[in-house]
Amino acid sequence: MAATSSPSTAAAAMWAFAAATCVKLLLVPTYRSTDFDVHRYWLALTHALPARQWYTDASSQWTLDYPPFFAYFSRLLSLPAPFVDASLVAIPVPAAPSSSVYILYLRLTVAFSDLLLLASVLLLARDARRRQRPFLALLLVLWSPALLIVDHIHFQYNGFLMGLLLLSLHFLEQGKDLAGGVVFAALLCSKHLFLVAAPVYFVYLFRHYCCGRGLARGLGRLVLMGAGVVAVFAMAFAPFVYYGQMQQLLSRLFPFGRGLFHAYWAPNFWVFYIVLDKILAFLLRRLGFSIEIPEASFTRGLVGDSSPFSVLPKVTPITTFLLVILAMTPCLVKAFANPQSKHIIRWVAYACSCGFMFGWHVHEKASLHFTIPLALIAMDSLDDVRHYFLLSIGMFLPQFNLAQWLRSSDCCSDIVVSFTSFDAMSTTLAKCCLPASPQCEALEPS
């Protein structure tokens, strides 16, 4: 760490992380979401059953639908569990947690896995031009209120996954393209929803790592990068190819039958599409047209029919895929024409935002995939801090859909409101102080 960040920055970041961890411990007794039940089942599943049964077991409705590396990660977290509470890894999973120790163990696994996020932040303390990043930018990642709600109240492991993404971006920023590509492949084998950033990675690595170095050397680098990525995917999926379960596994990873919308709507393009469909249906019915009102719901969280519309054309997964690629095209063109490592964080964040805006069955939590990286570059210019401020506040508000505990827990409400206020105050402070900051000596007049 010393080679990539000054002792003062590293110490301050670790103190900030320690303070955030104390807040996470205060949130241990908060409400238990369905995702809490999902992950406690996966913990027991990966511990009690052999790998050949992970993607075929249907003893619970919370079937494993993350790629194999995340299953291996759950298996790793389950290893100490029998010494804490044997029911943690018992199949069938108890209907309710058997003790407070049970809950504490699961909560601590999330806080522990956030150490990867801390390590990535410390490595990213210097940017592609070897300049020290403002500590405020690092703090916006470590104290992200959206990450606090999603992981440490609602219950997920996004901090660990974002740590992998930021680690990959660190390697790319420092010109270590092979390492960056391999870590990104490991991320895809942990959570496949990051596939939306794959086109940017492919274009950037092809142009920056392989091209412009002569045919023989460029081809050699292409083979080397391909071999590294294939090796990672082989480690993840080879056992399930051997078991003959790839079709079953892929059907778990890409359950298109869930429909266009998640139970909690992401504030993206398809919300306007729904509203327009409803307005048109209302107007046409008033004009005497016979418009059928669909009985199916737009918000089937687990299973559902295809997304029903009254007037507008039905949206299919291939439609959303094409729209995402189309929206991403300007970024891909720029990455192909002038692949510069100093822009890679911005390009990846843009790609993830395209997936959020136009993707199929997008969760509101997917906004973390671009707001967290954008926090790192928020202090680079006035435009960056404005973009981060608008997106972080706009994308944080939907997270309150997850916060059912607000109705009954004034203490926890105060904690998260305080973190949210910090996020808003920090970006406002940056907007006021940025022109005088030495970090922005190259900032053009705004």
Protein backbone atom coordinates (compact mmCIF):
# COMPACT_ATOMS: atom_id res chain seq x y z
CA MET A 1 0.00 0.00 0.00
CA ALA A 2 2.84 2.37 0.76
CA ALA A 3 3.87 2.45 -2.85
CA THR A 4 0.51 3.69 -4.02
CA SER A 5 -0.67 6.08 -1.34
CA SER A 6 1.00 8.33 1.20
CA PRO A 7 1.04 7.16 4.84
CA SER A 8 -1.27 10.02 5.85
CA THR A 9 -3.83 9.19 3.17
CA ALA A 10 -3.70 5.47 3.96
CA ALA A 11 -4.05 6.10 7.69
CA ALA A 12 -6.94 8.51 7.17
CA ALA A 13 -8.72 6.09 4.85
CA MET A 14 -8.34 3.26 7.36
CA TRP A 15 -9.70 5.46 10.15
CA ALA A 16 -12.65 6.38 7.93
CA PHE A 17 -13.22 2.70 7.18
CA ALA A 18 -13.05 1.87 10.90
CA ALA A 19 -15.64 4.56 11.65
CA ALA A 20 -17.90 3.21 8.89
CA THR A 21 -17.49 -0.30 10.33
CA CYS A 22 -18.66 0.92 13.74
CA VAL A 23 -21.81 2.26 12.08
CA LYS A 24 -22.30 -1.10 10.33
CA LEU A 25 -22.15 -2.83 13.71
CA LEU A 26 -24.87 -0.52 15.00
CA LEU A 27 -27.04 -1.66 12.09
CA VAL A 28 -26.82 -5.37 12.97
CA PRO A 29 -30.31 -5.49 14.55
CA THR A 30 -32.05 -3.86 11.56
CA TYR A 31 -34.79 -5.60 9.60
CA ARG A 32 -34.06 -8.84 7.70
CA SER A 33 -34.92 -8.64 4.02
CA THR A 34 -35.57 -11.42 1.54
CA ASP A 35 -31.94 -11.03 0.43
CA PHE A 36 -30.90 -11.92 3.98
CA ASP A 37 -32.80 -15.19 3.59
CA VAL A 38 -31.28 -15.71 0.13
CA HIS A 39 -27.71 -15.42 1.33
CA ARG A 40 -28.18 -17.47 4.47
CA TYR A 41 -29.58 -20.23 2.27
CA TRP A 42 -26.62 -19.96 -0.13
CA LEU A 43 -24.25 -20.15 2.83
CA ALA A 44 -25.84 -23.42 3.96
CA LEU A 45 -26.20 -24.74 0.41
CA THR A 46 -22.54 -24.34 -0.51
CA HIS A 47 -21.40 -25.79 2.81
CA ALA A 48 -23.73 -28.77 3.18
CA LEU A 49 -23.99 -29.95 -0.45
CA PRO A 50 -21.35 -30.89 -3.02
CA ALA A 51 -20.76 -28.49 -5.92
CA ARG A 52 -22.64 -30.75 -8.35
CA GLN A 53 -25.88 -29.95 -6.47
CA TRP A 54 -25.46 -26.19 -6.09
CA TYR A 55 -27.31 -25.27 -9.28
CA THR A 56 -29.80 -28.13 -9.23
CA ASP A 57 -31.01 -28.01 -5.63
CA ALA A 58 -34.57 -26.67 -5.39
CA SER A 59 -35.30 -27.30 -1.71
CA SER A 60 -35.82 -23.55 -1.29
CA GLN A 61 -37.30 -20.83 -3.45
CA TRP A 62 -34.02 -18.93 -3.03
CA THR A 63 -32.12 -20.93 -5.64
CA LEU A 64 -28.49 -20.04 -6.36
CA ASP A 65 -28.44 -17.61 -9.30
CA TYR A 66 -24.96 -16.05 -9.08
CA PRO A 67 -21.91 -17.34 -11.01
CA PRO A 68 -19.61 -20.00 -9.48
CA PHE A 69 -16.99 -17.68 -7.99
CA PHE A 70 -19.66 -16.15 -5.76
CA ALA A 71 -20.72 -19.65 -4.77
CA TYR A 72 -17.09 -20.41 -3.86
CA PHE A 73 -17.04 -17.14 -1.91
CA SER A 74 -20.15 -18.24 0.03
CA ARG A 75 -18.49 -21.58 0.68
CA LEU A 76 -15.44 -19.76 2.10
CA LEU A 77 -17.61 -17.63 4.39
CA SER A 78 -19.39 -20.75 5.63
CA LEU A 79 -16.25 -22.56 6.82
CA PRO A 80 -16.14 -21.03 10.35
CA ALA A 81 -19.95 -21.08 10.66
CA PRO A 82 -20.32 -24.52 12.38
CA PHE A 83 -18.11 -23.28 15.23
CA VAL A 84 -20.50 -20.35 15.78
CA ASP A 85 -23.93 -21.90 15.23
CA ALA A 86 -24.48 -25.26 13.55
CA SER A 87 -27.86 -24.14 12.20
CA LEU A 88 -26.06 -21.60 9.99
CA VAL A 89 -25.09 -24.36 7.57
CA ALA A 90 -27.98 -26.79 8.11
CA ILE A 91 -30.12 -28.02 5.23
CA PRO A 92 -33.06 -27.44 5.21
CA VAL A 93 -32.51 -23.87 6.34
CA PRO A 94 -34.53 -22.90 9.45
CA ALA A 95 -37.58 -20.75 8.77
CA ALA A 96 -36.12 -18.05 11.00
CA PRO A 97 -32.64 -17.37 12.43
CA SER A 98 -32.20 -19.44 15.55
CA SER A 99 -30.29 -16.86 17.60
CA SER A 100 -28.80 -13.37 17.64
CA VAL A 101 -25.38 -14.97 17.09
CA TYR A 102 -26.72 -16.36 13.80
CA ILE A 103 -27.64 -12.85 12.64
CA LEU A 104 -24.40 -11.33 13.93
CA TYR A 105 -22.29 -13.85 12.03
CA LEU A 106 -23.99 -13.09 8.72
CA ARG A 107 -23.77 -9.34 9.25
CA LEU A 108 -20.08 -9.61 10.09
CA THR A 109 -19.35 -11.55 6.89
CA VAL A 110 -20.51 -8.50 4.90
CA ALA A 111 -18.41 -6.10 6.97
CA PHE A 112 -15.41 -8.41 6.70
CA SER A 113 -15.70 -8.71 2.92
CA ASP A 114 -15.62 -4.90 2.68
CA LEU A 115 -11.88 -5.12 3.39
CA LEU A 116 -11.41 -5.70 -0.35
CA LEU A 117 -13.16 -2.38 -0.99
CA LEU A 118 -10.78 -0.67 1.44
CA ALA A 119 -7.74 -2.23 -0.25
CA SER A 120 -8.96 -1.10 -3.68
CA VAL A 121 -9.60 2.44 -2.43
CA LEU A 122 -6.08 2.64 -0.99
CA LEU A 123 -4.62 1.45 -4.28
CA LEU A 124 -6.69 4.03 -6.15
CA ALA A 125 -5.46 6.83 -3.91
CA ARG A 126 -3.22 7.82 -6.84
CA ASP A 127 -4.67 8.35 -10.29
CA ALA A 128 -3.31 7.42 -13.72
CA ARG A 129 -1.00 10.46 -13.68
CA ARG A 130 0.44 9.49 -10.30
CA ARG A 131 -1.31 12.41 -8.60
CA GLN A 132 -2.74 12.05 -5.13
CA ARG A 133 -6.53 11.80 -5.18
CA PRO A 134 -8.38 14.05 -2.73
CA PHE A 135 -9.24 12.22 0.47
CA LEU A 136 -12.82 13.47 0.13
CA ALA A 137 -13.24 11.33 -3.01
CA LEU A 138 -12.10 8.22 -1.12
CA LEU A 139 -14.44 9.06 1.72
CA LEU A 140 -17.41 9.22 -0.66
CA VAL A 141 -16.74 5.55 -1.49
CA LEU A 142 -16.08 4.29 2.04
CA TRP A 143 -19.06 6.18 3.48
CA SER A 144 -21.49 5.71 0.61
CA PRO A 145 -24.99 5.85 2.14
CA ALA A 146 -26.45 3.78 -0.71
CA LEU A 147 -23.89 1.04 -0.10
CA LEU A 148 -24.66 1.21 3.60
CA ILE A 149 -28.37 0.63 3.02
CA VAL A 150 -28.05 -2.06 0.36
CA ASP A 151 -25.36 -4.14 2.07
CA HIS A 152 -25.62 -3.56 5.79
CA ILE A 153 -29.36 -3.14 6.18
CA HIS A 154 -31.08 -4.77 3.22
CA PHE A 155 -28.19 -7.31 3.08
CA GLN A 156 -25.96 -8.02 0.09
CA TYR A 157 -22.24 -8.18 -0.68
CA ASN A 158 -21.91 -5.27 -3.11
CA GLY A 159 -18.94 -3.81 -1.24
CA PHE A 160 -16.92 -6.95 -1.98
CA LEU A 161 -17.97 -6.91 -5.64
CA MET A 162 -17.29 -3.19 -6.02
CA GLY A 163 -13.88 -3.84 -4.50
CA LEU A 164 -13.16 -6.26 -7.36
CA LEU A 165 -14.32 -3.70 -9.94
CA LEU A 166 -12.23 -0.92 -8.41
CA LEU A 167 -9.22 -3.24 -8.21
CA SER A 168 -9.57 -3.93 -11.93
CA LEU A 169 -9.87 -0.20 -12.66
CA HIS A 170 -6.76 0.47 -10.58
CA PHE A 171 -4.72 -1.93 -12.69
CA LEU A 172 -6.02 -0.36 -15.90
CA GLU A 173 -5.27 3.15 -14.65
CA GLN A 174 -1.70 2.14 -13.85
CA GLY A 175 -1.19 0.54 -17.29
CA LYS A 176 -1.33 -3.05 -15.99
CA ASP A 177 -3.86 -4.13 -18.59
CA LEU A 178 -3.39 -7.88 -18.29
CA ALA A 179 -4.02 -7.82 -14.54
CA GLY A 180 -7.00 -5.50 -15.03
CA GLY A 181 -8.56 -7.81 -17.62
CA VAL A 182 -8.05 -10.92 -15.49
CA VAL A 183 -9.58 -9.29 -12.38
CA PHE A 184 -12.56 -8.13 -14.44
CA ALA A 185 -13.01 -11.71 -15.68
CA ALA A 186 -13.02 -12.83 -12.03
CA LEU A 187 -15.66 -10.17 -11.32
CA LEU A 188 -17.86 -11.50 -14.15
CA CYS A 189 -17.51 -14.98 -12.65
CA SER A 190 -18.70 -13.53 -9.34
CA LYS A 191 -21.62 -11.40 -10.55
CA HIS A 192 -22.66 -11.58 -14.18
CA LEU A 193 -24.56 -8.27 -14.12
CA PHE A 194 -21.22 -6.50 -14.64
CA LEU A 195 -21.32 -7.88 -18.19
CA VAL A 196 -22.68 -4.50 -19.24
CA ALA A 197 -19.15 -3.07 -18.85
CA ALA A 198 -17.59 -5.86 -20.96
CA PRO A 199 -17.83 -3.99 -24.32
CA VAL A 200 -15.81 -1.08 -22.91
CA TYR A 201 -13.23 -3.47 -21.46
CA PHE A 202 -12.96 -5.36 -24.76
CA VAL A 203 -12.54 -2.24 -26.93
CA TYR A 204 -10.16 -0.53 -24.51
CA LEU A 205 -7.94 -3.57 -23.92
CA PHE A 206 -7.85 -4.46 -27.61
CA ARG A 207 -6.73 -0.97 -28.60
CA HIS A 208 -4.56 -0.10 -25.59
CA TYR A 209 -2.96 -3.49 -24.88
CA CYS A 210 -2.87 -5.26 -28.24
CA CYS A 211 -2.82 -2.71 -31.07
CA GLY A 212 -0.05 -0.38 -32.20
CA ARG A 213 2.78 -2.70 -31.17
CA GLY A 214 3.46 -4.56 -34.39
CA LEU A 215 1.57 -7.55 -35.73
CA ALA A 216 3.56 -10.27 -33.98
CA ARG A 217 3.72 -8.56 -30.60
CA GLY A 218 0.10 -7.43 -30.79
CA LEU A 219 -1.08 -10.92 -31.67
CA GLY A 220 0.99 -12.34 -28.83
CA ARG A 221 -0.62 -9.94 -26.37
CA LEU A 222 -4.07 -10.76 -27.68
CA VAL A 223 -3.38 -14.47 -27.14
CA LEU A 224 -1.99 -13.78 -23.67
CA MET A 225 -5.01 -11.71 -22.63
CA GLY A 226 -7.38 -14.30 -24.09
CA ALA A 227 -5.57 -17.10 -22.29
CA GLY A 228 -5.78 -15.24 -18.97
CA VAL A 229 -9.52 -14.60 -19.34
CA VAL A 230 -10.24 -18.15 -20.53
CA ALA A 231 -8.26 -19.55 -17.60
CA VAL A 232 -10.40 -17.57 -15.14
CA PHE A 233 -13.65 -18.72 -16.75
CA ALA A 234 -12.37 -22.29 -16.85
CA MET A 235 -11.67 -22.25 -13.12
CA ALA A 236 -15.20 -21.00 -12.51
CA PHE A 237 -17.26 -23.07 -14.93
CA ALA A 238 -15.22 -26.19 -15.80
CA PRO A 239 -16.64 -28.30 -12.93
CA PHE A 240 -20.19 -27.57 -14.07
CA VAL A 241 -19.31 -28.34 -17.69
CA TYR A 242 -18.01 -31.67 -16.42
CA TYR A 243 -21.26 -32.25 -14.51
CA GLY A 244 -23.27 -31.43 -17.65
CA GLN A 245 -25.08 -28.57 -15.87
CA MET A 246 -24.22 -25.54 -18.02
CA GLN A 247 -27.72 -25.20 -19.44
CA GLN A 248 -29.22 -25.33 -15.95
CA LEU A 249 -26.60 -22.88 -14.66
CA LEU A 250 -27.19 -20.38 -17.48
CA SER A 251 -30.94 -20.55 -17.00
CA ARG A 252 -30.35 -19.59 -13.36
CA LEU A 253 -28.05 -16.70 -14.30
CA PHE A 254 -30.34 -15.27 -16.98
CA PRO A 255 -33.97 -15.78 -15.87
CA PHE A 256 -35.61 -13.70 -18.60
CA GLY A 257 -39.01 -14.97 -17.46
CA ARG A 258 -38.91 -12.53 -14.57
CA GLY A 259 -40.01 -9.80 -16.93
CA LEU A 260 -38.80 -6.33 -17.84
CA PHE A 261 -39.24 -4.81 -14.39
CA HIS A 262 -38.03 -5.69 -10.93
CA ALA A 263 -40.39 -5.54 -7.96
CA TYR A 264 -38.79 -2.22 -6.96
CA TRP A 265 -38.57 -0.18 -10.14
CA ALA A 266 -35.24 1.31 -11.10
CA PRO A 267 -35.67 4.97 -12.12
CA ASN A 268 -34.71 4.36 -15.75
CA PHE A 269 -36.06 4.77 -19.27
CA TRP A 270 -38.65 2.03 -18.92
CA VAL A 271 -40.50 3.96 -16.21
CA PHE A 272 -41.30 6.62 -18.83
CA TYR A 273 -42.29 3.85 -21.24
CA ILE A 274 -44.78 2.51 -18.69
CA VAL A 275 -46.19 5.97 -18.00
CA LEU A 276 -46.58 6.69 -21.72
CA ASP A 277 -48.36 3.36 -22.21
CA LYS A 278 -50.77 4.13 -19.38
CA ILE A 279 -51.47 7.64 -20.68
CA LEU A 280 -52.11 6.37 -24.21
CA ALA A 281 -54.40 3.61 -22.93
CA PHE A 282 -56.36 6.12 -20.87
CA LEU A 283 -56.76 8.57 -23.77
CA LEU A 284 -57.71 5.88 -26.29
CA ARG A 285 -60.33 4.44 -23.95
CA ARG A 286 -61.78 7.92 -23.46
CA LEU A 287 -61.97 8.25 -27.25
CA GLY A 288 -64.01 5.07 -27.47
CA PHE A 289 -61.35 2.58 -28.47
CA SER A 290 -61.49 -0.88 -26.92
CA ILE A 291 -58.20 -1.18 -25.05
CA GLU A 292 -57.59 -4.32 -23.06
CA ILE A 293 -56.26 -3.73 -19.58
CA PRO A 294 -53.65 -6.41 -18.81
CA GLU A 295 -54.10 -8.35 -15.60
CA ALA A 296 -50.43 -9.27 -15.24
CA SER A 297 -48.20 -7.18 -13.05
CA PHE A 298 -45.16 -5.15 -14.07
CA THR A 299 -43.45 -5.92 -10.80
CA ARG A 300 -42.97 -9.63 -10.38
CA GLY A 301 -39.82 -9.86 -8.32
CA LEU A 302 -39.18 -13.60 -8.58
CA VAL A 303 -41.24 -15.01 -11.41
CA GLY A 304 -43.66 -13.43 -13.78
CA ASP A 305 -45.04 -13.22 -17.24
CA SER A 306 -43.70 -11.12 -20.04
CA SER A 307 -44.12 -7.42 -19.37
CA PRO A 308 -47.71 -6.49 -20.34
CA PHE A 309 -48.43 -3.26 -22.17
CA SER A 310 -51.82 -1.99 -23.32
CA VAL A 311 -50.77 0.08 -26.35
CA LEU A 312 -47.02 0.22 -26.85
CA PRO A 313 -45.09 -2.73 -28.32
CA LYS A 314 -43.89 -5.47 -26.02
CA VAL A 315 -40.26 -5.07 -24.97
CA THR A 316 -38.03 -8.11 -25.38
CA PRO A 317 -34.59 -8.87 -23.90
CA ILE A 318 -32.93 -8.44 -27.32
CA THR A 319 -34.52 -4.98 -27.62
CA THR A 320 -33.01 -3.89 -24.32
CA PHE A 321 -29.64 -5.35 -25.31
CA LEU A 322 -29.57 -3.40 -28.57
CA LEU A 323 -30.59 -0.18 -26.82
CA VAL A 324 -27.81 -0.60 -24.26
CA ILE A 325 -25.20 -1.10 -26.99
CA LEU A 326 -26.58 1.85 -28.98
CA ALA A 327 -26.43 4.12 -25.92
CA MET A 328 -22.90 2.93 -25.23
CA THR A 329 -21.66 3.56 -28.79
CA PRO A 330 -20.21 7.08 -28.24
CA CYS A 331 -18.12 5.75 -25.36
CA LEU A 332 -16.94 2.74 -27.38
CA VAL A 333 -15.97 4.97 -30.32
CA LYS A 334 -13.99 7.24 -28.03
CA ALA A 335 -12.25 4.31 -26.31
CA PHE A 336 -11.35 2.85 -29.70
CA ALA A 337 -10.11 6.12 -31.21
CA ASN A 338 -8.06 7.33 -28.24
CA PRO A 339 -7.66 4.73 -25.47
CA GLN A 340 -6.25 6.62 -22.49
CA SER A 341 -6.02 5.01 -19.09
CA LYS A 342 -6.91 8.25 -17.30
CA HIS A 343 -10.46 8.02 -18.74
CA ILE A 344 -11.15 4.34 -18.05
CA ILE A 345 -13.08 4.92 -14.79
CA ARG A 346 -15.36 7.41 -16.51
CA TRP A 347 -15.95 5.08 -19.50
CA VAL A 348 -16.79 2.08 -17.34
CA ALA A 349 -19.15 4.18 -15.20
CA TYR A 350 -20.84 5.42 -18.38
CA ALA A 351 -21.28 1.86 -19.68
CA CYS A 352 -22.84 0.75 -16.39
CA SER A 353 -25.20 3.73 -16.47
CA CYS A 354 -26.31 2.70 -19.99
CA GLY A 355 -27.12 -0.77 -18.67
CA PHE A 356 -29.03 0.78 -15.79
CA MET A 357 -31.06 3.05 -18.07
CA PHE A 358 -32.04 0.54 -20.75
CA GLY A 359 -31.35 -2.96 -19.36
CA TRP A 360 -33.73 -5.86 -18.74
CA HIS A 361 -35.07 -6.39 -15.20
CA VAL A 362 -32.77 -3.77 -13.69
CA HIS A 363 -32.55 -3.57 -9.90
CA GLU A 364 -32.43 -0.13 -8.32
CA LYS A 365 -29.27 -1.32 -6.55
CA ALA A 366 -27.44 -1.46 -9.90
CA SER A 367 -26.91 2.30 -9.60
CA LEU A 368 -23.98 1.46 -7.31
CA HIS A 369 -22.10 0.18 -10.35
CA PHE A 370 -21.63 3.70 -11.66
CA THR A 371 -22.05 6.02 -8.66
CA ILE A 372 -19.23 4.35 -6.69
CA PRO A 373 -16.63 4.66 -9.52
CA LEU A 374 -17.79 8.22 -10.23
CA ALA A 375 -17.08 9.15 -6.60
CA LEU A 376 -13.37 8.52 -7.25
CA ILE A 377 -13.24 11.10 -10.04
CA ALA A 378 -15.75 13.51 -8.50
CA MET A 379 -12.98 15.92 -7.49
CA ASP A 380 -11.29 16.04 -10.90
CA SER A 381 -13.36 18.94 -12.23
CA LEU A 382 -16.44 21.01 -11.56
CA ASP A 383 -18.35 19.05 -14.19
CA ASP A 384 -17.42 15.77 -12.52
CA VAL A 385 -18.56 16.89 -9.11
CA ARG A 386 -21.84 18.17 -10.55
CA HIS A 387 -22.44 14.86 -12.32
CA TYR A 388 -21.64 12.87 -9.21
CA PHE A 389 -23.81 15.08 -7.01
CA LEU A 390 -26.88 14.75 -9.25
CA LEU A 391 -26.46 11.02 -9.85
CA SER A 392 -25.61 10.05 -6.28
CA ILE A 393 -28.57 11.92 -4.81
CA GLY A 394 -30.96 10.89 -7.60
CA MET A 395 -29.93 7.23 -7.44
CA PHE A 396 -29.84 7.13 -3.64
CA LEU A 397 -33.50 8.07 -3.24
CA PRO A 398 -34.80 4.76 -4.75
CA GLN A 399 -32.76 2.87 -2.15
CA PHE A 400 -35.30 4.01 0.43
CA ASN A 401 -37.67 1.49 -1.16
CA LEU A 402 -35.50 -1.09 0.57
CA ALA A 403 -35.50 0.73 3.89
CA GLN A 404 -38.62 -0.70 5.54
CA TRP A 405 -36.89 -0.29 8.90
CA LEU A 406 -37.41 3.50 8.69
CA ARG A 407 -40.97 3.03 9.95
CA SER A 408 -39.87 1.52 13.21
CA SER A 409 -36.26 2.45 13.89
CA ASP A 410 -35.57 6.10 14.61
CA CYS A 411 -31.95 5.39 15.59
CA CYS A 412 -31.09 3.64 12.32
CA SER A 413 -32.98 6.31 10.41
CA ASP A 414 -30.81 8.98 12.01
CA ILE A 415 -27.64 7.09 11.10
CA VAL A 416 -28.47 6.80 7.42
CA VAL A 417 -29.82 10.35 7.17
CA SER A 418 -26.53 11.52 8.68
CA PHE A 419 -24.56 9.58 6.08
CA THR A 420 -26.76 10.99 3.32
CA SER A 421 -26.23 14.51 4.64
CA PHE A 422 -22.48 13.87 4.65
CA ASP A 423 -22.63 12.80 1.00
CA ALA A 424 -24.53 15.93 -0.01
CA MET A 425 -22.38 18.24 2.13
CA SER A 426 -19.15 16.72 0.83
CA THR A 427 -20.02 17.23 -2.81
CA THR A 428 -21.29 20.74 -2.09
CA LEU A 429 -18.04 21.53 -0.29
CA ALA A 430 -16.08 20.17 -3.23
CA LYS A 431 -18.00 22.40 -5.63
CA CYS A 432 -17.05 25.42 -3.51
CA CYS A 433 -13.40 24.51 -2.94
CA LEU A 434 -12.48 22.74 -6.16
CA PRO A 435 -11.18 25.71 -8.19
CA ALA A 436 -8.56 26.43 -5.54
CA SER A 437 -7.53 22.82 -5.13
CA PRO A 438 -4.05 21.76 -6.32
CA GLN A 439 -5.70 18.59 -7.64
CA CYS A 440 -7.32 20.66 -10.37
CA GLU A 441 -4.38 22.69 -11.59
CA ALA A 442 -5.24 21.67 -15.14
CA LEU A 443 -8.93 22.50 -14.78
CA GLU A 444 -10.21 24.64 -17.63
CA PRO A 445 -12.29 27.70 -16.70
CA SER A 446 -15.92 26.77 -16.29
